Amino acid sequence: QVQLVESGGGLVQPGGSLRLSCAASRSHFRLYDMGWYRQAPGKQREMVATITTTGSTDYADSVKGRFTISRDNSKKMVYLQMNSLRPEDTAVYYCNYQSTPASWGQGTQVTVSS
């Protein structure tokens, strides 16, 4: 059963912005810490941003100050606002529960290129 659906990716020029969305379906969604991850060609999947049940956030150094993770518990949604995008941000972006991950979704492709 599909538990996570990412959307919002696309092609954007350097310096541009995108907002990614993640639709979750677990019961008691508000009780799970969530994260955004990305995988670029030839690289391991890496954590980009996390948000706890209480709303505390953490970011990879590479995106700090440019990306913002947020959540809407009533809609079971997680968002990633990405600003000042760089070519090195190009990757497939995924969301997941942190401590008890679900199967990975299809991800959403973000391509930053001029």
PDB file of N, CA and C in Angstrom:
ATOM      1  N   GLN A   1       0.842  -1.182   0.000  1.00  0.00           N
ATOM      2  CA  GLN A   1       0.000   0.000   0.000  1.00  0.00           C
ATOM      3  C   GLN A   1       0.888   1.246   0.000  1.00  0.00           C
ATOM      4  N   VAL A   2       0.579   2.192  -0.871  1.00  0.00           N
ATOM      5  CA  VAL A   2       1.322   3.435  -0.953  1.00  0.00           C
ATOM      6  C   VAL A   2       1.048   4.276   0.285  1.00  0.00           C
ATOM      7  N   GLN A   3       2.110   4.642   0.988  1.00  0.00           N
ATOM      8  CA  GLN A   3       1.978   5.423   2.208  1.00  0.00           C
ATOM      9  C   GLN A   3       2.493   6.848   2.083  1.00  0.00           C
ATOM     10  N   LEU A   4       3.380   7.093   1.125  1.00  0.00           N
ATOM     11  CA  LEU A   4       4.000   8.393   0.952  1.00  0.00           C
ATOM     12  C   LEU A   4       4.005   8.781  -0.515  1.00  0.00           C
ATOM     13  N   VAL A   5       3.549   9.980  -0.804  1.00  0.00           N
ATOM     14  CA  VAL A   5       3.501  10.466  -2.173  1.00  0.00           C
ATOM     15  C   VAL A   5       4.114  11.854  -2.226  1.00  0.00           C
ATOM     16  N   GLU A   6       5.244  11.963  -2.908  1.00  0.00           N
ATOM     17  CA  GLU A   6       5.930  13.234  -3.061  1.00  0.00           C
ATOM     18  C   GLU A   6       5.505  13.916  -4.358  1.00  0.00           C
ATOM     19  N   SER A   7       5.480  15.230  -4.334  1.00  0.00           N
ATOM     20  CA  SER A   7       5.134  15.993  -5.519  1.00  0.00           C
ATOM     21  C   SER A   7       5.750  17.383  -5.445  1.00  0.00           C
ATOM     22  N   GLY A   8       5.697  18.091  -6.543  1.00  0.00           N
ATOM     23  CA  GLY A   8       6.140  19.475  -6.573  1.00  0.00           C
ATOM     24  C   GLY A   8       7.475  19.724  -7.231  1.00  0.00           C
ATOM     25  N   GLY A   9       8.171  18.668  -7.615  1.00  0.00           N
ATOM     26  CA  GLY A   9       9.455  18.846  -8.257  1.00  0.00           C
ATOM     27  C   GLY A   9       9.310  19.373  -9.671  1.00  0.00           C
ATOM     28  N   GLY A  10      10.445  19.670 -10.269  1.00  0.00           N
ATOM     29  CA  GLY A  10      10.445  20.178 -11.620  1.00  0.00           C
ATOM     30  C   GLY A  10      11.786  20.764 -11.984  1.00  0.00           C
ATOM     31  N   LEU A  11      11.810  21.436 -13.113  1.00  0.00           N
ATOM     32  CA  LEU A  11      13.009  22.099 -13.610  1.00  0.00           C
ATOM     33  C   LEU A  11      12.967  23.566 -13.216  1.00  0.00           C
ATOM     34  N   VAL A  12      14.038  24.031 -12.612  1.00  0.00           N
ATOM     35  CA  VAL A  12      14.105  25.413 -12.163  1.00  0.00           C
ATOM     36  C   VAL A  12      15.507  25.950 -12.408  1.00  0.00           C
ATOM     37  N   GLN A  13      15.602  27.242 -12.670  1.00  0.00           N
ATOM     38  CA  GLN A  13      16.901  27.871 -12.883  1.00  0.00           C
ATOM     39  C   GLN A  13      17.617  28.106 -11.563  1.00  0.00           C
ATOM     40  N   PRO A  14      18.950  28.160 -11.594  1.00  0.00           N
ATOM     41  CA  PRO A  14      19.677  28.510 -10.373  1.00  0.00           C
ATOM     42  C   PRO A  14      19.146  29.802  -9.774  1.00  0.00           C
ATOM     43  N   GLY A  15      19.003  29.798  -8.458  1.00  0.00           N
ATOM     44  CA  GLY A  15      18.441  30.939  -7.759  1.00  0.00           C
ATOM     45  C   GLY A  15      16.941  30.891  -7.605  1.00  0.00           C
ATOM     46  N   GLY A  16      16.305  29.949  -8.268  1.00  0.00           N
ATOM     47  CA  GLY A  16      14.866  29.831  -8.206  1.00  0.00           C
ATOM     48  C   GLY A  16      14.381  29.093  -6.979  1.00  0.00           C
ATOM     49  N   SER A  17      13.072  28.902  -6.913  1.00  0.00           N
ATOM     50  CA  SER A  17      12.436  28.275  -5.761  1.00  0.00           C
ATOM     51  C   SER A  17      11.448  27.207  -6.187  1.00  0.00           C
ATOM     52  N   LEU A  18      11.265  26.231  -5.318  1.00  0.00           N
ATOM     53  CA  LEU A  18      10.247  25.206  -5.463  1.00  0.00           C
ATOM     54  C   LEU A  18       9.721  24.848  -4.088  1.00  0.00           C
ATOM     55  N   ARG A  19       8.475  24.405  -4.041  1.00  0.00           N
ATOM     56  CA  ARG A  19       7.925  23.851  -2.807  1.00  0.00           C
ATOM     57  C   ARG A  19       7.500  22.422  -3.054  1.00  0.00           C
ATOM     58  N   LEU A  20       8.103  21.505  -2.322  1.00  0.00           N
ATOM     59  CA  LEU A  20       7.763  20.097  -2.416  1.00  0.00           C
ATOM     60  C   LEU A  20       6.711  19.744  -1.373  1.00  0.00           C
ATOM     61  N   SER A  21       5.861  18.792  -1.726  1.00  0.00           N
ATOM     62  CA  SER A  21       4.824  18.323  -0.823  1.00  0.00           C
ATOM     63  C   SER A  21       4.933  16.824  -0.642  1.00  0.00           C
ATOM     64  N   CYS A  22       4.596  16.353   0.534  1.00  0.00           N
ATOM     65  CA  CYS A  22       4.591  14.935   0.859  1.00  0.00           C
ATOM     66  C   CYS A  22       3.267  14.614   1.530  1.00  0.00           C
ATOM     67  N   ALA A  23       2.507  13.729   0.911  1.00  0.00           N
ATOM     68  CA  ALA A  23       1.237  13.295   1.464  1.00  0.00           C
ATOM     69  C   ALA A  23       1.430  11.962   2.168  1.00  0.00           C
ATOM     70  N   ALA A  24       1.139  11.925   3.447  1.00  0.00           N
ATOM     71  CA  ALA A  24       1.277  10.720   4.252  1.00  0.00           C
ATOM     72  C   ALA A  24      -0.098  10.155   4.571  1.00  0.00           C
ATOM     73  N   SER A  25      -0.116   8.922   5.100  1.00  0.00           N
ATOM     74  CA  SER A  25      -1.389   8.291   5.376  1.00  0.00           C
ATOM     75  C   SER A  25      -1.455   7.551   6.708  1.00  0.00           C
ATOM     76  N   ARG A  26      -0.377   7.507   7.471  1.00  0.00           N
ATOM     77  CA  ARG A  26      -0.394   6.793   8.743  1.00  0.00           C
ATOM     78  C   ARG A  26      -1.356   7.408   9.735  1.00  0.00           C
ATOM     79  N   SER A  27      -1.984   6.536  10.499  1.00  0.00           N
ATOM     80  CA  SER A  27      -2.767   7.011  11.631  1.00  0.00           C
ATOM     81  C   SER A  27      -1.845   7.695  12.625  1.00  0.00           C
ATOM     82  N   HIS A  28      -2.375   8.661  13.323  1.00  0.00           N
ATOM     83  CA  HIS A  28      -1.627   9.402  14.332  1.00  0.00           C
ATOM     84  C   HIS A  28      -0.367  10.030  13.738  1.00  0.00           C
ATOM     85  N   PHE A  29      -0.507  10.583  12.552  1.00  0.00           N
ATOM     86  CA  PHE A  29       0.598  11.204  11.830  1.00  0.00           C
ATOM     87  C   PHE A  29       1.339  12.221  12.699  1.00  0.00           C
ATOM     88  N   ARG A  30       0.607  12.951  13.501  1.00  0.00           N
ATOM     89  CA  ARG A  30       1.203  14.008  14.309  1.00  0.00           C
ATOM     90  C   ARG A  30       2.216  13.493  15.313  1.00  0.00           C
ATOM     91  N   LEU A  31       2.226  12.184  15.578  1.00  0.00           N
ATOM     92  CA  LEU A  31       3.122  11.602  16.563  1.00  0.00           C
ATOM     93  C   LEU A  31       4.445  11.120  15.965  1.00  0.00           C
ATOM     94  N   TYR A  32       4.661  11.345  14.691  1.00  0.00           N
ATOM     95  CA  TYR A  32       5.876  10.888  14.028  1.00  0.00           C
ATOM     96  C   TYR A  32       6.771  12.046  13.622  1.00  0.00           C
ATOM     97  N   ASP A  33       8.061  11.905  13.911  1.00  0.00           N
ATOM     98  CA  ASP A  33       9.048  12.798  13.329  1.00  0.00           C
ATOM     99  C   ASP A  33       9.146  12.494  11.832  1.00  0.00           C
ATOM    100  N   MET A  34       9.348  13.531  11.037  1.00  0.00           N
ATOM    101  CA  MET A  34       9.388  13.375   9.588  1.00  0.00           C
ATOM    102  C   MET A  34      10.666  13.975   9.017  1.00  0.00           C
ATOM    103  N   GLY A  35      11.017  13.514   7.840  1.00  0.00           N
ATOM    104  CA  GLY A  35      12.204  14.046   7.198  1.00  0.00           C
ATOM    105  C   GLY A  35      12.090  14.067   5.690  1.00  0.00           C
ATOM    106  N   TRP A  36      12.862  14.947   5.097  1.00  0.00           N
ATOM    107  CA  TRP A  36      13.073  14.976   3.658  1.00  0.00           C
ATOM    108  C   TRP A  36      14.482  14.482   3.369  1.00  0.00           C
ATOM    109  N   TYR A  37      14.608  13.689   2.321  1.00  0.00           N
ATOM    110  CA  TYR A  37      15.869  13.098   1.917  1.00  0.00           C
ATOM    111  C   TYR A  37      16.039  13.310   0.421  1.00  0.00           C
ATOM    112  N   ARG A  38      17.271  13.211  -0.044  1.00  0.00           N
ATOM    113  CA  ARG A  38      17.493  13.322  -1.479  1.00  0.00           C
ATOM    114  C   ARG A  38      18.618  12.395  -1.908  1.00  0.00           C
ATOM    115  N   GLN A  39      18.561  12.016  -3.169  1.00  0.00           N
ATOM    116  CA  GLN A  39      19.588  11.177  -3.741  1.00  0.00           C
ATOM    117  C   GLN A  39      19.943  11.703  -5.120  1.00  0.00           C
ATOM    118  N   ALA A  40      21.186  12.107  -5.263  1.00  0.00           N
ATOM    119  CA  ALA A  40      21.704  12.587  -6.527  1.00  0.00           C
ATOM    120  C   ALA A  40      22.427  11.453  -7.236  1.00  0.00           C
ATOM    121  N   PRO A  41      22.575  11.546  -8.550  1.00  0.00           N
ATOM    122  CA  PRO A  41      23.287  10.496  -9.284  1.00  0.00           C
ATOM    123  C   PRO A  41      24.677  10.248  -8.716  1.00  0.00           C
ATOM    124  N   GLY A  42      24.996   8.974  -8.468  1.00  0.00           N
ATOM    125  CA  GLY A  42      26.304   8.605  -7.968  1.00  0.00           C
ATOM    126  C   GLY A  42      26.532   8.886  -6.501  1.00  0.00           C
ATOM    127  N   LYS A  43      25.510   9.293  -5.780  1.00  0.00           N
ATOM    128  CA  LYS A  43      25.655   9.606  -4.370  1.00  0.00           C
ATOM    129  C   LYS A  43      24.657   8.807  -3.536  1.00  0.00           C
ATOM    130  N   GLN A  44      24.962   8.668  -2.248  1.00  0.00           N
ATOM    131  CA  GLN A  44      24.048   8.018  -1.329  1.00  0.00           C
ATOM    132  C   GLN A  44      22.877   8.935  -1.011  1.00  0.00           C
ATOM    133  N   ARG A  45      21.777   8.323  -0.597  1.00  0.00           N
ATOM    134  CA  ARG A  45      20.667   9.115  -0.110  1.00  0.00           C
ATOM    135  C   ARG A  45      21.102   9.844   1.165  1.00  0.00           C
ATOM    136  N   GLU A  46      20.777  11.108   1.248  1.00  0.00           N
ATOM    137  CA  GLU A  46      21.169  11.910   2.392  1.00  0.00           C
ATOM    138  C   GLU A  46      19.971  12.629   2.990  1.00  0.00           C
ATOM    139  N   MET A  47      20.050  12.873   4.278  1.00  0.00           N
ATOM    140  CA  MET A  47      19.022  13.639   4.954  1.00  0.00           C
ATOM    141  C   MET A  47      19.182  15.109   4.625  1.00  0.00           C
ATOM    142  N   VAL A  48      18.095  15.738   4.290  1.00  0.00           N
ATOM    143  CA  VAL A  48      18.096  17.152   3.950  1.00  0.00           C
ATOM    144  C   VAL A  48      17.555  17.993   5.093  1.00  0.00           C
ATOM    145  N   ALA A  49      16.433  17.560   5.646  1.00  0.00           N
ATOM    146  CA  ALA A  49      15.773  18.318   6.700  1.00  0.00           C
ATOM    147  C   ALA A  49      14.887  17.395   7.504  1.00  0.00           C
ATOM    148  N   THR A  50      14.712  17.703   8.781  1.00  0.00           N
ATOM    149  CA  THR A  50      13.826  16.928   9.641  1.00  0.00           C
ATOM    150  C   THR A  50      12.945  17.868  10.447  1.00  0.00           C
ATOM    151  N   ILE A  51      11.802  17.349  10.830  1.00  0.00           N
ATOM    152  CA  ILE A  51      10.902  18.095  11.703  1.00  0.00           C
ATOM    153  C   ILE A  51      10.303  17.120  12.698  1.00  0.00           C
ATOM    154  N   THR A  52      10.344  17.478  13.966  1.00  0.00           N
ATOM    155  CA  THR A  52       9.866  16.603  15.016  1.00  0.00           C
ATOM    156  C   THR A  52       8.378  16.782  15.241  1.00  0.00           C
ATOM    157  N   THR A  53       7.859  15.969  16.141  1.00  0.00           N
ATOM    158  CA  THR A  53       6.446  16.058  16.493  1.00  0.00           C
ATOM    159  C   THR A  53       6.105  17.396  17.129  1.00  0.00           C
ATOM    160  N   THR A  54       7.088  18.032  17.712  1.00  0.00           N
ATOM    161  CA  THR A  54       6.871  19.319  18.359  1.00  0.00           C
ATOM    162  C   THR A  54       7.215  20.502  17.466  1.00  0.00           C
ATOM    163  N   GLY A  55       7.670  20.216  16.246  1.00  0.00           N
ATOM    164  CA  GLY A  55       7.959  21.279  15.309  1.00  0.00           C
ATOM    165  C   GLY A  55       9.398  21.737  15.256  1.00  0.00           C
ATOM    166  N   SER A  56      10.274  21.102  16.012  1.00  0.00           N
ATOM    167  CA  SER A  56      11.689  21.443  15.934  1.00  0.00           C
ATOM    168  C   SER A  56      12.267  20.965  14.612  1.00  0.00           C
ATOM    169  N   THR A  57      13.147  21.752  14.036  1.00  0.00           N
ATOM    170  CA  THR A  57      13.701  21.437  12.724  1.00  0.00           C
ATOM    171  C   THR A  57      15.215  21.373  12.748  1.00  0.00           C
ATOM    172  N   ASP A  58      15.752  20.577  11.846  1.00  0.00           N
ATOM    173  CA  ASP A  58      17.183  20.492  11.620  1.00  0.00           C
ATOM    174  C   ASP A  58      17.428  20.366  10.130  1.00  0.00           C
ATOM    175  N   TYR A  59      18.588  20.857   9.683  1.00  0.00           N
ATOM    176  CA  TYR A  59      18.909  20.881   8.273  1.00  0.00           C
ATOM    177  C   TYR A  59      20.335  20.448   8.033  1.00  0.00           C
ATOM    178  N   ALA A  60      20.546  19.839   6.879  1.00  0.00           N
ATOM    179  CA  ALA A  60      21.905  19.587   6.442  1.00  0.00           C
ATOM    180  C   ALA A  60      22.608  20.920   6.227  1.00  0.00           C
ATOM    181  N   ASP A  61      23.898  20.948   6.509  1.00  0.00           N
ATOM    182  CA  ASP A  61      24.647  22.188   6.354  1.00  0.00           C
ATOM    183  C   ASP A  61      24.531  22.760   4.941  1.00  0.00           C
ATOM    184  N   SER A  62      24.432  21.885   3.964  1.00  0.00           N
ATOM    185  CA  SER A  62      24.406  22.318   2.579  1.00  0.00           C
ATOM    186  C   SER A  62      23.147  23.096   2.203  1.00  0.00           C
ATOM    187  N   VAL A  63      22.081  22.942   2.986  1.00  0.00           N
ATOM    188  CA  VAL A  63      20.822  23.615   2.664  1.00  0.00           C
ATOM    189  C   VAL A  63      20.392  24.614   3.725  1.00  0.00           C
ATOM    190  N   LYS A  64      21.113  24.683   4.811  1.00  0.00           N
ATOM    191  CA  LYS A  64      20.748  25.562   5.915  1.00  0.00           C
ATOM    192  C   LYS A  64      20.649  27.009   5.441  1.00  0.00           C
ATOM    193  N   GLY A  65      19.560  27.648   5.801  1.00  0.00           N
ATOM    194  CA  GLY A  65      19.332  29.022   5.395  1.00  0.00           C
ATOM    195  C   GLY A  65      18.623  29.164   4.073  1.00  0.00           C
ATOM    196  N   ARG A  66      18.506  28.077   3.330  1.00  0.00           N
ATOM    197  CA  ARG A  66      17.842  28.107   2.031  1.00  0.00           C
ATOM    198  C   ARG A  66      16.556  27.299   1.992  1.00  0.00           C
ATOM    199  N   PHE A  67      16.509  26.194   2.750  1.00  0.00           N
ATOM    200  CA  PHE A  67      15.355  25.303   2.757  1.00  0.00           C
ATOM    201  C   PHE A  67      14.619  25.428   4.078  1.00  0.00           C
ATOM    202  N   THR A  68      13.301  25.228   4.031  1.00  0.00           N
ATOM    203  CA  THR A  68      12.479  25.237   5.231  1.00  0.00           C
ATOM    204  C   THR A  68      11.514  24.062   5.190  1.00  0.00           C
ATOM    205  N   ILE A  69      11.559  23.228   6.216  1.00  0.00           N
ATOM    206  CA  ILE A  69      10.628  22.112   6.334  1.00  0.00           C
ATOM    207  C   ILE A  69       9.478  22.524   7.244  1.00  0.00           C
ATOM    208  N   SER A  70       8.285  22.080   6.904  1.00  0.00           N
ATOM    209  CA  SER A  70       7.116  22.378   7.717  1.00  0.00           C
ATOM    210  C   SER A  70       6.138  21.213   7.615  1.00  0.00           C
ATOM    211  N   ARG A  71       5.128  21.233   8.455  1.00  0.00           N
ATOM    212  CA  ARG A  71       4.132  20.169   8.420  1.00  0.00           C
ATOM    213  C   ARG A  71       2.759  20.708   8.762  1.00  0.00           C
ATOM    214  N   ASP A  72       1.752  20.027   8.255  1.00  0.00           N
ATOM    215  CA  ASP A  72       0.363  20.332   8.547  1.00  0.00           C
ATOM    216  C   ASP A  72      -0.265  19.023   9.013  1.00  0.00           C
ATOM    217  N   ASN A  73      -0.376  18.859  10.309  1.00  0.00           N
ATOM    218  CA  ASN A  73      -0.835  17.588  10.857  1.00  0.00           C
ATOM    219  C   ASN A  73      -2.290  17.288  10.511  1.00  0.00           C
ATOM    220  N   SER A  74      -3.104  18.314  10.379  1.00  0.00           N
ATOM    221  CA  SER A  74      -4.504  18.099  10.052  1.00  0.00           C
ATOM    222  C   SER A  74      -4.673  17.519   8.659  1.00  0.00           C
ATOM    223  N   LYS A  75      -3.720  17.802   7.776  1.00  0.00           N
ATOM    224  CA  LYS A  75      -3.757  17.296   6.409  1.00  0.00           C
ATOM    225  C   LYS A  75      -2.795  16.140   6.175  1.00  0.00           C
ATOM    226  N   LYS A  76      -2.034  15.752   7.193  1.00  0.00           N
ATOM    227  CA  LYS A  76      -1.011  14.717   7.070  1.00  0.00           C
ATOM    228  C   LYS A  76      -0.051  15.042   5.931  1.00  0.00           C
ATOM    229  N   MET A  77       0.435  16.273   5.930  1.00  0.00           N
ATOM    230  CA  MET A  77       1.323  16.758   4.883  1.00  0.00           C
ATOM    231  C   MET A  77       2.631  17.277   5.471  1.00  0.00           C
ATOM    232  N   VAL A  78       3.703  17.085   4.726  1.00  0.00           N
ATOM    233  CA  VAL A  78       5.004  17.667   5.032  1.00  0.00           C
ATOM    234  C   VAL A  78       5.461  18.434   3.806  1.00  0.00           C
ATOM    235  N   TYR A  79       6.052  19.594   4.028  1.00  0.00           N
ATOM    236  CA  TYR A  79       6.469  20.450   2.932  1.00  0.00           C
ATOM    237  C   TYR A  79       7.950  20.774   3.036  1.00  0.00           C
ATOM    238  N   LEU A  80       8.543  21.055   1.896  1.00  0.00           N
ATOM    239  CA  LEU A  80       9.918  21.532   1.857  1.00  0.00           C
ATOM    240  C   LEU A  80       9.975  22.718   0.916  1.00  0.00           C
ATOM    241  N   GLN A  81      10.116  23.894   1.484  1.00  0.00           N
ATOM    242  CA  GLN A  81      10.290  25.099   0.696  1.00  0.00           C
ATOM    243  C   GLN A  81      11.766  25.256   0.377  1.00  0.00           C
ATOM    244  N   MET A  82      12.087  25.320  -0.895  1.00  0.00           N
ATOM    245  CA  MET A  82      13.467  25.388  -1.341  1.00  0.00           C
ATOM    246  C   MET A  82      13.685  26.705  -2.074  1.00  0.00           C
ATOM    247  N   ASN A  83      14.556  27.526  -1.541  1.00  0.00           N
ATOM    248  CA  ASN A  83      14.894  28.810  -2.143  1.00  0.00           C
ATOM    249  C   ASN A  83      16.366  28.837  -2.525  1.00  0.00           C
ATOM    250  N   SER A  84      16.717  29.790  -3.354  1.00  0.00           N
ATOM    251  CA  SER A  84      18.108  29.968  -3.781  1.00  0.00           C
ATOM    252  C   SER A  84      18.717  28.658  -4.254  1.00  0.00           C
ATOM    253  N   LEU A  85      17.990  27.972  -5.103  1.00  0.00           N
ATOM    254  CA  LEU A  85      18.415  26.651  -5.541  1.00  0.00           C
ATOM    255  C   LEU A  85      19.697  26.703  -6.361  1.00  0.00           C
ATOM    256  N   ARG A  86      20.495  25.680  -6.185  1.00  0.00           N
ATOM    257  CA  ARG A  86      21.778  25.539  -6.850  1.00  0.00           C
ATOM    258  C   ARG A  86      21.809  24.258  -7.665  1.00  0.00           C
ATOM    259  N   PRO A  87      22.652  24.186  -8.683  1.00  0.00           N
ATOM    260  CA  PRO A  87      22.737  22.944  -9.470  1.00  0.00           C
ATOM    261  C   PRO A  87      23.010  21.710  -8.615  1.00  0.00           C
ATOM    262  N   GLU A  88      23.783  21.847  -7.555  1.00  0.00           N
ATOM    263  CA  GLU A  88      24.079  20.713  -6.698  1.00  0.00           C
ATOM    264  C   GLU A  88      22.885  20.229  -5.877  1.00  0.00           C
ATOM    265  N   ASP A  89      21.783  20.971  -5.914  1.00  0.00           N
ATOM    266  CA  ASP A  89      20.552  20.514  -5.285  1.00  0.00           C
ATOM    267  C   ASP A  89      19.796  19.528  -6.167  1.00  0.00           C
ATOM    268  N   THR A  90      20.241  19.344  -7.383  1.00  0.00           N
ATOM    269  CA  THR A  90      19.590  18.423  -8.296  1.00  0.00           C
ATOM    270  C   THR A  90      19.618  17.013  -7.729  1.00  0.00           C
ATOM    271  N   ALA A  91      18.452  16.410  -7.597  1.00  0.00           N
ATOM    272  CA  ALA A  91      18.321  15.087  -7.000  1.00  0.00           C
ATOM    273  C   ALA A  91      16.863  14.668  -7.037  1.00  0.00           C
ATOM    274  N   VAL A  92      16.631  13.409  -6.690  1.00  0.00           N
ATOM    275  CA  VAL A  92      15.281  12.951  -6.414  1.00  0.00           C
ATOM    276  C   VAL A  92      15.041  13.126  -4.924  1.00  0.00           C
ATOM    277  N   TYR A  93      13.965  13.779  -4.576  1.00  0.00           N
ATOM    278  CA  TYR A  93      13.648  14.089  -3.194  1.00  0.00           C
ATOM    279  C   TYR A  93      12.563  13.167  -2.673  1.00  0.00           C
ATOM    280  N   TYR A  94      12.766  12.653  -1.464  1.00  0.00           N
ATOM    281  CA  TYR A  94      11.851  11.731  -0.821  1.00  0.00           C
ATOM    282  C   TYR A  94      11.506  12.220   0.578  1.00  0.00           C
ATOM    283  N   CYS A  95      10.335  11.845   1.051  1.00  0.00           N
ATOM    284  CA  CYS A  95      10.000  12.054   2.455  1.00  0.00           C
ATOM    285  C   CYS A  95       9.818  10.706   3.127  1.00  0.00           C
ATOM    286  N   ASN A  96       9.925  10.687   4.454  1.00  0.00           N
ATOM    287  CA  ASN A  96       9.684   9.450   5.183  1.00  0.00           C
ATOM    288  C   ASN A  96       9.563   9.744   6.673  1.00  0.00           C
ATOM    289  N   TYR A  97       8.980   8.795   7.379  1.00  0.00           N
ATOM    290  CA  TYR A  97       8.995   8.801   8.829  1.00  0.00           C
ATOM    291  C   TYR A  97      10.410   8.469   9.285  1.00  0.00           C
ATOM    292  N   GLN A  98      10.887   9.089  10.344  1.00  0.00           N
ATOM    293  CA  GLN A  98      12.281   8.926  10.736  1.00  0.00           C
ATOM    294  C   GLN A  98      12.579   7.623  11.475  1.00  0.00           C
ATOM    295  N   SER A  99      11.909   7.371  12.561  1.00  0.00           N
ATOM    296  CA  SER A  99      12.268   6.229  13.402  1.00  0.00           C
ATOM    297  C   SER A  99      11.692   4.907  12.912  1.00  0.00           C
ATOM    298  N   THR A 100      10.541   4.940  12.292  1.00  0.00           N
ATOM    299  CA  THR A 100       9.908   3.736  11.749  1.00  0.00           C
ATOM    300  C   THR A 100       9.545   3.985  10.289  1.00  0.00           C
ATOM    301  N   PRO A 101      10.540   3.993   9.405  1.00  0.00           N
ATOM    302  CA  PRO A 101      10.285   4.367   8.010  1.00  0.00           C
ATOM    303  C   PRO A 101       9.326   3.440   7.300  1.00  0.00           C
ATOM    304  N   ALA A 102       8.550   4.008   6.425  1.00  0.00           N
ATOM    305  CA  ALA A 102       7.715   3.252   5.515  1.00  0.00           C
ATOM    306  C   ALA A 102       8.525   2.928   4.267  1.00  0.00           C
ATOM    307  N   SER A 103       7.925   2.165   3.369  1.00  0.00           N
ATOM    308  CA  SER A 103       8.558   1.961   2.078  1.00  0.00           C
ATOM    309  C   SER A 103       8.737   3.315   1.399  1.00  0.00           C
ATOM    310  N   TRP A 104       9.846   3.475   0.715  1.00  0.00           N
ATOM    311  CA  TRP A 104      10.115   4.726   0.025  1.00  0.00           C
ATOM    312  C   TRP A 104       9.111   4.950  -1.088  1.00  0.00           C
ATOM    313  N   GLY A 105       8.666   6.179  -1.217  1.00  0.00           N
ATOM    314  CA  GLY A 105       7.774   6.538  -2.294  1.00  0.00           C
ATOM    315  C   GLY A 105       8.521   6.670  -3.605  1.00  0.00           C
ATOM    316  N   GLN A 106       7.842   7.212  -4.594  1.00  0.00           N
ATOM    317  CA  GLN A 106       8.465   7.363  -5.907  1.00  0.00           C
ATOM    318  C   GLN A 106       9.434   8.532  -5.965  1.00  0.00           C
ATOM    319  N   GLY A 107       9.332   9.427  -5.004  1.00  0.00           N
ATOM    320  CA  GLY A 107      10.154  10.617  -5.000  1.00  0.00           C
ATOM    321  C   GLY A 107       9.690  11.621  -6.035  1.00  0.00           C
ATOM    322  N   THR A 108      10.276  12.805  -5.976  1.00  0.00           N
ATOM    323  CA  THR A 108       9.988  13.827  -6.967  1.00  0.00           C
ATOM    324  C   THR A 108      11.304  14.439  -7.431  1.00  0.00           C
ATOM    325  N   GLN A 109      11.464  14.529  -8.729  1.00  0.00           N
ATOM    326  CA  GLN A 109      12.714  14.990  -9.326  1.00  0.00           C
ATOM    327  C   GLN A 109      12.816  16.505  -9.276  1.00  0.00           C
ATOM    328  N   VAL A 110      13.929  16.977  -8.761  1.00  0.00           N
ATOM    329  CA  VAL A 110      14.254  18.399  -8.777  1.00  0.00           C
ATOM    330  C   VAL A 110      15.505  18.576  -9.626  1.00  0.00           C
ATOM    331  N   THR A 111      15.397  19.379 -10.656  1.00  0.00           N
ATOM    332  CA  THR A 111      16.530  19.655 -11.530  1.00  0.00           C
ATOM    333  C   THR A 111      16.773  21.149 -11.557  1.00  0.00           C
ATOM    334  N   VAL A 112      17.963  21.542 -11.169  1.00  0.00           N
ATOM    335  CA  VAL A 112      18.348  22.954 -11.142  1.00  0.00           C
ATOM    336  C   VAL A 112      19.379  23.173 -12.237  1.00  0.00           C
ATOM    337  N   SER A 113      18.976  23.862 -13.265  1.00  0.00           N
ATOM    338  CA  SER A 113      19.840  24.042 -14.426  1.00  0.00           C
ATOM    339  C   SER A 113      19.383  25.242 -15.232  1.00  0.00           C
ATOM    340  N   SER A 114      20.335  25.906 -15.852  1.00  0.00           N
ATOM    341  CA  SER A 114      20.032  26.997 -16.756  1.00  0.00           C
ATOM    342  C   SER A 114      20.153  26.560 -18.208  1.00  0.00           C
TER     343      SER A 114
END
